[in-house]
Amino acid sequence: MGGVHCGSKKRQEFRLVNRTKTKTRCEFDLTRYKDFGLEFPSIMTPEDLTYQARNPGRYCGLLNGEEQTTEYLVFTPSEVSSAEF
């Protein structure tokens, strides 16, 4: 994600694609990666927001059949470190 300083934020866009004809629930567990989060502005329901508030580091969203959506991985470093992805 390039040089991201403590106290700043970097958003990396990515695309979720449901190639099936049925609804799909996407769940991501980032509880081991405290400096990372996800933003699903277009697919989160009120229930998903409640789930996320009760389960920090866990994210979910619902994609309709054959839906494509753009979402974001968010990196907010809390300490100086170097990482290779």
C-alpha atoms as a PDB file:
ATOM      1  CA  MET A   1       0.000   0.000   0.000  1.00  0.00           C
ATOM      2  CA  GLY A   2       2.999   2.284  -0.199  1.00  0.00           C
ATOM      3  CA  GLY A   3       4.238   4.554   2.570  1.00  0.00           C
ATOM      4  CA  VAL A   4       1.414   5.008   5.063  1.00  0.00           C
ATOM      5  CA  HIS A   5       2.302   6.898   8.242  1.00  0.00           C
ATOM      6  CA  CYS A   6       0.942   6.319  11.739  1.00  0.00           C
ATOM      7  CA  GLY A   7      -2.252   8.262  12.249  1.00  0.00           C
ATOM      8  CA  SER A   8      -3.060   8.310   8.538  1.00  0.00           C
ATOM      9  CA  LYS A   9      -5.315   6.092   6.464  1.00  0.00           C
ATOM     10  CA  LYS A  10      -4.966   4.421   3.068  1.00  0.00           C
ATOM     11  CA  ARG A  11      -7.911   2.928   1.174  1.00  0.00           C
ATOM     12  CA  GLN A  12      -7.341   0.266  -1.484  1.00  0.00           C
ATOM     13  CA  GLU A  13     -10.253  -0.352  -3.816  1.00  0.00           C
ATOM     14  CA  PHE A  14     -11.209  -3.921  -4.704  1.00  0.00           C
ATOM     15  CA  ARG A  15     -14.115  -5.558  -6.481  1.00  0.00           C
ATOM     16  CA  LEU A  16     -16.412  -8.273  -5.145  1.00  0.00           C
ATOM     17  CA  VAL A  17     -18.122 -10.346  -7.821  1.00  0.00           C
ATOM     18  CA  ASN A  18     -20.930 -12.849  -7.323  1.00  0.00           C
ATOM     19  CA  ARG A  19     -20.965 -14.986 -10.463  1.00  0.00           C
ATOM     20  CA  THR A  20     -23.880 -17.126  -9.287  1.00  0.00           C
ATOM     21  CA  LYS A  21     -27.568 -16.396  -9.736  1.00  0.00           C
ATOM     22  CA  THR A  22     -28.278 -16.641  -5.997  1.00  0.00           C
ATOM     23  CA  LYS A  23     -27.596 -14.218  -3.162  1.00  0.00           C
ATOM     24  CA  THR A  24     -24.242 -14.677  -1.449  1.00  0.00           C
ATOM     25  CA  ARG A  25     -23.166 -13.557   1.986  1.00  0.00           C
ATOM     26  CA  CYS A  26     -19.508 -12.504   2.193  1.00  0.00           C
ATOM     27  CA  GLU A  27     -17.785 -12.685   5.556  1.00  0.00           C
ATOM     28  CA  PHE A  28     -14.265 -11.539   6.378  1.00  0.00           C
ATOM     29  CA  ASP A  29     -12.412 -12.041   9.664  1.00  0.00           C
ATOM     30  CA  LEU A  30      -9.669  -9.454  10.197  1.00  0.00           C
ATOM     31  CA  THR A  31      -9.533  -9.809  13.988  1.00  0.00           C
ATOM     32  CA  ARG A  32      -5.843 -10.795  13.803  1.00  0.00           C
ATOM     33  CA  TYR A  33      -5.007  -7.706  11.724  1.00  0.00           C
ATOM     34  CA  LYS A  34      -5.911  -4.744  13.922  1.00  0.00           C
ATOM     35  CA  ASP A  35      -4.543  -2.117  11.501  1.00  0.00           C
ATOM     36  CA  PHE A  36      -6.820  -3.269   8.682  1.00  0.00           C
ATOM     37  CA  GLY A  37     -10.515  -2.804   8.138  1.00  0.00           C
ATOM     38  CA  LEU A  38     -13.065  -3.075   5.359  1.00  0.00           C
ATOM     39  CA  GLU A  39     -15.634  -0.640   4.038  1.00  0.00           C
ATOM     40  CA  PHE A  40     -18.633  -2.128   2.268  1.00  0.00           C
ATOM     41  CA  PRO A  41     -20.728   1.003   1.656  1.00  0.00           C
ATOM     42  CA  SER A  42     -22.915  -0.513  -1.040  1.00  0.00           C
ATOM     43  CA  ILE A  43     -23.741  -3.965   0.371  1.00  0.00           C
ATOM     44  CA  MET A  44     -24.068  -3.590   4.159  1.00  0.00           C
ATOM     45  CA  THR A  45     -27.522  -3.919   5.670  1.00  0.00           C
ATOM     46  CA  PRO A  46     -28.492  -2.512   9.087  1.00  0.00           C
ATOM     47  CA  GLU A  47     -28.096  -6.064  10.429  1.00  0.00           C
ATOM     48  CA  ASP A  48     -24.541  -6.202   9.045  1.00  0.00           C
ATOM     49  CA  LEU A  49     -23.698  -2.909  10.761  1.00  0.00           C
ATOM     50  CA  THR A  50     -25.028  -4.266  14.070  1.00  0.00           C
ATOM     51  CA  TYR A  51     -23.001  -7.467  13.619  1.00  0.00           C
ATOM     52  CA  GLN A  52     -19.861  -5.440  12.905  1.00  0.00           C
ATOM     53  CA  ALA A  53     -20.401  -3.217  15.960  1.00  0.00           C
ATOM     54  CA  ARG A  54     -20.750  -6.306  18.171  1.00  0.00           C
ATOM     55  CA  ASN A  55     -17.837  -8.146  16.528  1.00  0.00           C
ATOM     56  CA  PRO A  56     -14.916  -5.759  15.907  1.00  0.00           C
ATOM     57  CA  GLY A  57     -12.682  -6.918  13.077  1.00  0.00           C
ATOM     58  CA  ARG A  58     -15.397  -8.996  11.413  1.00  0.00           C
ATOM     59  CA  TYR A  59     -17.169  -7.748   8.305  1.00  0.00           C
ATOM     60  CA  CYS A  60     -20.016  -9.059   6.208  1.00  0.00           C
ATOM     61  CA  GLY A  61     -22.245  -8.042   3.352  1.00  0.00           C
ATOM     62  CA  LEU A  62     -24.815  -9.496   0.999  1.00  0.00           C
ATOM     63  CA  LEU A  63     -24.386  -9.630  -2.779  1.00  0.00           C
ATOM     64  CA  ASN A  64     -27.321 -10.335  -5.060  1.00  0.00           C
ATOM     65  CA  GLY A  65     -27.025 -12.819  -7.897  1.00  0.00           C
ATOM     66  CA  GLU A  66     -24.620 -11.681 -10.626  1.00  0.00           C
ATOM     67  CA  GLU A  67     -23.825  -8.492  -8.699  1.00  0.00           C
ATOM     68  CA  GLN A  68     -20.471  -6.699  -8.843  1.00  0.00           C
ATOM     69  CA  THR A  69     -19.544  -4.064  -6.315  1.00  0.00           C
ATOM     70  CA  THR A  70     -16.547  -1.924  -5.424  1.00  0.00           C
ATOM     71  CA  GLU A  71     -15.419  -2.037  -1.800  1.00  0.00           C
ATOM     72  CA  TYR A  72     -12.356  -0.897   0.155  1.00  0.00           C
ATOM     73  CA  LEU A  73      -9.575  -2.378   2.260  1.00  0.00           C
ATOM     74  CA  VAL A  74      -8.510   0.282   4.774  1.00  0.00           C
ATOM     75  CA  PHE A  75      -5.065   0.389   6.374  1.00  0.00           C
ATOM     76  CA  THR A  76      -4.626   2.601   9.447  1.00  0.00           C
ATOM     77  CA  PRO A  77      -1.222   1.845  10.982  1.00  0.00           C
ATOM     78  CA  SER A  78      -0.951   2.178  14.727  1.00  0.00           C
ATOM     79  CA  GLU A  79       2.841   1.745  14.906  1.00  0.00           C
ATOM     80  CA  VAL A  80       5.879   1.968  12.662  1.00  0.00           C
ATOM     81  CA  SER A  81       6.555  -1.332  10.914  1.00  0.00           C
ATOM     82  CA  SER A  82       7.466  -2.841   7.591  1.00  0.00           C
ATOM     83  CA  ALA A  83       5.349  -5.475   5.882  1.00  0.00           C
ATOM     84  CA  GLU A  84       5.496  -7.350   2.609  1.00  0.00           C
ATOM     85  CA  PHE A  85       2.237  -8.509   1.056  1.00  0.00           C
END
